[in-house]
N, C-alpha and C. Protein backbone atom coordinates (compact mmCIF):
# COMPACT_ATOMS: atom_id res chain seq x y z
N UNK A 1 18.78 -21.46 9.55
CA UNK A 1 19.44 -21.32 8.75
C UNK A 1 20.68 -19.79 8.93
N UNK A 2 21.70 -20.95 8.15
CA UNK A 2 22.89 -20.08 8.72
C UNK A 2 23.63 -19.13 7.96
N UNK A 3 24.24 -18.50 8.22
CA UNK A 3 24.44 -17.12 6.60
C UNK A 3 25.40 -17.28 5.84
N UNK A 4 25.98 -18.35 6.26
CA UNK A 4 26.51 -19.40 4.39
C UNK A 4 24.89 -19.45 3.58
N UNK A 5 24.37 -19.91 4.21
CA UNK A 5 22.89 -19.95 3.35
C UNK A 5 22.15 -18.89 2.64
N UNK A 6 22.00 -18.18 3.79
CA UNK A 6 21.54 -16.94 3.11
C UNK A 6 22.07 -16.27 2.04
N UNK A 7 23.50 -15.90 2.55
CA UNK A 7 24.56 -15.12 1.64
C UNK A 7 23.59 -15.94 0.18
N UNK A 8 24.33 -17.28 -0.11
CA UNK A 8 24.25 -18.48 -1.00
C UNK A 8 22.24 -17.87 -1.57
N UNK A 9 21.87 -18.17 -0.85
CA UNK A 9 20.07 -17.50 -1.69
C UNK A 9 19.97 -16.26 -2.11
N UNK A 10 20.21 -15.08 -0.71
CA UNK A 10 19.92 -14.02 -1.52
C UNK A 10 21.92 -13.88 -2.87
N UNK A 11 22.54 -14.64 -3.19
CA UNK A 11 23.04 -14.62 -4.61
C UNK A 11 22.69 -15.01 -5.53
N UNK A 12 21.75 -16.42 -5.13
CA UNK A 12 21.18 -16.94 -6.25
C UNK A 12 19.39 -15.97 -6.73
N UNK A 13 19.01 -15.05 -5.75
CA UNK A 13 18.08 -14.75 -6.06
C UNK A 13 18.22 -13.50 -6.66
N UNK A 14 19.58 -12.90 -6.63
CA UNK A 14 19.89 -11.49 -7.20
C UNK A 14 20.35 -11.88 -8.88
N UNK A 15 20.80 -13.19 -8.98
CA UNK A 15 21.48 -13.45 -10.29
C UNK A 15 20.48 -13.79 -10.81
N UNK A 16 18.94 -14.42 -10.68
CA UNK A 16 17.88 -14.93 -10.89
C UNK A 16 17.41 -13.16 -11.76
N UNK A 17 17.06 -12.79 -10.61
CA UNK A 17 16.14 -11.26 -10.91
C UNK A 17 16.73 -11.00 -11.98
N UNK A 18 18.80 -10.55 -11.93
CA UNK A 18 19.58 -9.58 -12.87
C UNK A 18 18.64 -10.56 -14.47
N UNK A 19 19.22 -11.69 -14.28
CA UNK A 19 19.15 -12.61 -15.37
C UNK A 19 17.62 -11.92 -16.50
N UNK A 20 16.57 -12.09 -15.87
CA UNK A 20 15.38 -11.97 -15.95
C UNK A 20 14.97 -10.09 -16.49
N UNK A 21 15.46 -9.80 -15.56
CA UNK A 21 16.55 -8.34 -15.95
C UNK A 21 16.71 -7.91 -17.20
N UNK A 22 17.82 -8.80 -17.17
CA UNK A 22 18.83 -8.93 -18.66
C UNK A 22 18.11 -9.10 -20.35
N UNK A 23 17.36 -9.94 -19.96
CA UNK A 23 16.43 -10.78 -21.16
C UNK A 23 15.04 -10.11 -21.47
N UNK A 24 14.81 -9.69 -20.38
CA UNK A 24 13.47 -8.41 -20.70
C UNK A 24 14.39 -7.31 -21.48
N UNK A 25 14.88 -6.81 -21.31
CA UNK A 25 15.82 -5.20 -21.36
C UNK A 25 16.67 -5.46 -22.75
N UNK A 26 17.10 -6.61 -22.93
CA UNK A 26 17.88 -7.10 -24.16
C UNK A 26 17.90 -8.26 -24.99
N UNK A 27 16.51 -8.95 -25.09
CA UNK A 27 16.38 -9.22 -26.26
C UNK A 27 15.20 -9.06 -26.53
N UNK A 28 14.88 -9.20 -28.24
CA UNK A 28 13.46 -8.63 -28.64
C UNK A 28 12.44 -9.24 -28.11
N UNK A 29 12.41 -10.91 -27.89
CA UNK A 29 11.24 -11.03 -26.70
C UNK A 29 11.19 -10.66 -25.55
N UNK A 30 11.81 -10.29 -24.89
CA UNK A 30 11.93 -9.72 -23.74
C UNK A 30 11.00 -7.96 -24.14
N UNK A 31 11.62 -7.52 -24.97
CA UNK A 31 10.74 -6.41 -25.08
C UNK A 31 9.55 -6.17 -25.76
N UNK A 32 9.43 -7.78 -26.45
CA UNK A 32 7.92 -8.16 -26.86
C UNK A 32 6.85 -8.15 -25.25
N UNK A 33 7.51 -8.54 -24.77
CA UNK A 33 6.55 -9.03 -23.55
C UNK A 33 6.42 -7.77 -22.41
N UNK A 34 7.43 -6.98 -22.38
CA UNK A 34 7.07 -5.50 -22.01
C UNK A 34 6.35 -4.82 -22.26
N UNK A 35 6.10 -5.28 -23.76
CA UNK A 35 5.08 -4.52 -24.45
C UNK A 35 3.31 -4.81 -23.98
N UNK A 36 3.45 -6.21 -23.66
CA UNK A 36 2.78 -6.87 -23.51
C UNK A 36 2.04 -5.97 -21.89
N UNK A 37 3.47 -6.25 -21.06
CA UNK A 37 3.18 -6.23 -19.29
C UNK A 37 2.74 -5.22 -19.46
N UNK A 38 3.61 -3.72 -19.62
CA UNK A 38 3.71 -2.47 -18.92
C UNK A 38 1.94 -1.90 -18.79
N UNK A 39 1.19 -1.86 -20.41
CA UNK A 39 -0.11 -1.30 -19.59
C UNK A 39 -1.06 -2.27 -18.44
N UNK A 40 -0.93 -3.04 -18.61
CA UNK A 40 -1.11 -3.40 -17.59
C UNK A 40 -0.96 -3.20 -15.99
N UNK A 41 0.90 -3.26 -16.07
CA UNK A 41 1.12 -3.34 -15.36
C UNK A 41 1.10 -0.93 -14.22
N UNK A 42 0.53 -0.66 -15.65
CA UNK A 42 0.27 0.42 -15.28
C UNK A 42 -1.19 1.08 -14.61
N UNK A 43 -2.09 0.19 -15.69
CA UNK A 43 -3.26 -0.12 -15.13
C UNK A 43 -3.43 -0.33 -13.30
N UNK A 44 -2.63 -1.09 -12.93
CA UNK A 44 -2.54 -2.04 -11.61
C UNK A 44 -2.20 -0.63 -10.40
N UNK A 45 -0.64 -0.16 -11.17
CA UNK A 45 -0.46 1.06 -10.41
C UNK A 45 -1.20 2.15 -10.07
N UNK A 46 -2.85 2.25 -10.95
CA UNK A 46 -3.60 3.58 -11.30
C UNK A 46 -4.65 2.99 -10.15
N UNK A 47 -5.18 1.44 -9.80
CA UNK A 47 -5.89 0.89 -9.44
C UNK A 47 -5.26 1.18 -7.49
N UNK A 48 -4.18 0.88 -7.92
CA UNK A 48 -3.96 1.01 -5.96
C UNK A 48 -3.60 2.26 -5.95
N UNK A 49 -3.40 3.15 -6.82
CA UNK A 49 -3.24 5.00 -6.32
C UNK A 49 -5.26 5.02 -6.01
N UNK A 50 -6.09 5.02 -6.57
CA UNK A 50 -7.35 4.86 -6.25
C UNK A 50 -7.65 4.27 -5.01
N UNK A 51 -7.62 3.12 -4.75
CA UNK A 51 -7.69 2.56 -3.16
C UNK A 51 -6.77 2.92 -2.28
N UNK A 52 -5.50 3.98 -1.91
CA UNK A 52 -5.03 4.48 -1.29
C UNK A 52 -5.53 5.28 -0.94
N UNK A 53 -6.13 6.50 -2.19
CA UNK A 53 -7.13 7.71 -2.26
C UNK A 53 -8.10 7.91 -1.69
N UNK A 54 -8.74 5.79 -1.88
CA UNK A 54 -10.08 5.78 -0.94
C UNK A 54 -9.67 5.41 0.77
N UNK A 55 -9.15 4.82 0.69
CA UNK A 55 -8.43 4.44 2.39
C UNK A 55 -7.92 5.67 3.47
N UNK A 56 -7.54 6.43 2.12
CA UNK A 56 -7.17 8.11 3.14
C UNK A 56 -8.57 9.32 3.18
N UNK A 57 -9.77 8.76 2.68
CA UNK A 57 -10.48 9.23 2.90
C UNK A 57 -11.12 8.85 3.64
N UNK A 58 -11.15 7.19 3.70
CA UNK A 58 -12.03 6.93 5.30
C UNK A 58 -11.15 6.86 6.07
N UNK A 59 -9.81 7.24 6.30
CA UNK A 59 -9.15 7.02 7.55
C UNK A 59 -9.79 8.94 7.68
N UNK A 60 -9.85 9.98 6.99
CA UNK A 60 -10.53 11.15 7.78
C UNK A 60 -11.74 11.22 7.86
N UNK A 61 -12.52 10.07 7.03
CA UNK A 61 -13.81 10.37 8.32
C UNK A 61 -14.14 9.80 8.87
N UNK A 62 -13.25 8.43 9.72
CA UNK A 62 -13.41 8.25 10.51
C UNK A 62 -12.83 9.02 11.69
N UNK A 63 -11.47 9.63 11.43
CA UNK A 63 -10.72 11.01 12.36
C UNK A 63 -12.12 11.61 12.55
N UNK A 64 -13.22 12.79 11.87
CA UNK A 64 -14.34 13.28 11.63
C UNK A 64 -14.91 12.61 12.49
N UNK A 65 -15.36 11.39 12.80
CA UNK A 65 -16.35 10.79 13.43
C UNK A 65 -16.04 10.47 14.70
N UNK A 66 -14.55 10.29 14.76
CA UNK A 66 -14.70 10.59 16.17
C UNK A 66 -13.86 11.57 16.86
N UNK A 67 -14.11 12.75 16.30
CA UNK A 67 -13.78 13.95 16.78
C UNK A 67 -15.10 14.59 17.29
N UNK A 68 -15.98 14.04 16.67
CA UNK A 68 -17.76 14.61 16.68
C UNK A 68 -18.28 13.79 17.30
N UNK A 69 -17.92 12.00 18.22
CA UNK A 69 -18.36 11.49 18.80
C UNK A 69 -17.79 12.63 20.41
N UNK A 70 -16.41 12.81 19.87
CA UNK A 70 -15.92 13.60 21.21
C UNK A 70 -16.69 14.29 21.92
N UNK A 71 -17.20 15.57 20.74
CA UNK A 71 -17.78 16.67 21.22
C UNK A 71 -19.43 16.04 21.37
N UNK A 72 -20.25 15.30 21.25
CA UNK A 72 -21.12 15.01 21.26
C UNK A 72 -21.44 14.28 23.02
N UNK A 73 -20.29 13.34 23.44
CA UNK A 73 -19.87 12.66 25.06
C UNK A 73 -19.84 14.05 25.83
N UNK A 74 -18.65 14.47 24.80
CA UNK A 74 -18.41 16.28 25.90
C UNK A 74 -19.76 16.77 26.40
N UNK A 75 -20.32 16.85 25.54
CA UNK A 75 -21.91 17.84 25.78
C UNK A 75 -22.30 17.06 26.80
N UNK A 76 -22.96 15.85 26.43
CA UNK A 76 -23.66 15.09 27.29
C UNK A 76 -23.18 14.82 28.32
N UNK A 77 -21.84 15.42 28.57
CA UNK A 77 -21.64 14.95 30.10
C UNK A 77 -22.02 16.59 30.78
N UNK A 78 -21.86 17.18 30.66
CA UNK A 78 -22.02 18.37 30.85
C UNK A 78 -23.65 19.01 31.05
N UNK A 79 -24.36 18.57 30.51
CA UNK A 79 -25.52 18.68 30.35
C UNK A 79 -26.12 17.84 32.03
N UNK A 80 -25.75 16.71 31.63
CA UNK A 80 -25.51 15.75 32.72
C UNK A 80 -25.62 16.45 34.51
N UNK A 81 -24.27 17.12 34.65
CA UNK A 81 -23.85 17.81 35.48
C UNK A 81 -24.26 18.66 35.92
N UNK A 82 -25.15 19.55 34.77
CA UNK A 82 -25.87 20.82 35.30
C UNK A 82 -27.05 20.13 35.84
N UNK A 83 -27.27 19.12 35.34
CA UNK A 83 -29.07 18.66 35.82
C UNK A 83 -28.91 17.74 37.43
N UNK A 84 -27.33 17.61 37.50
CA UNK A 84 -27.63 17.20 39.05
C UNK A 84 -27.43 18.57 39.95
N UNK A 85 -26.59 19.24 39.12
CA UNK A 85 -26.48 20.30 39.84
C UNK A 85 -28.18 21.35 40.91
């Protein structure tokens, strides 16, 4: 895709987004649609926050498990070394 095509595509996308944005904020129908969509978007945002928190908790649990496994492996190696001596 040439640079001219990318510029034209970006301009068209910007015009479409701007038109939709203007319709949503400048017309009565757009306002009514926003009033119906916004609560759903708020719930979606809250769900994403819960998923992110769950992911962070899982990441912390994995890190803790890795530390524990490393400690167990270290103790096991030292016990094996003592038994060989």
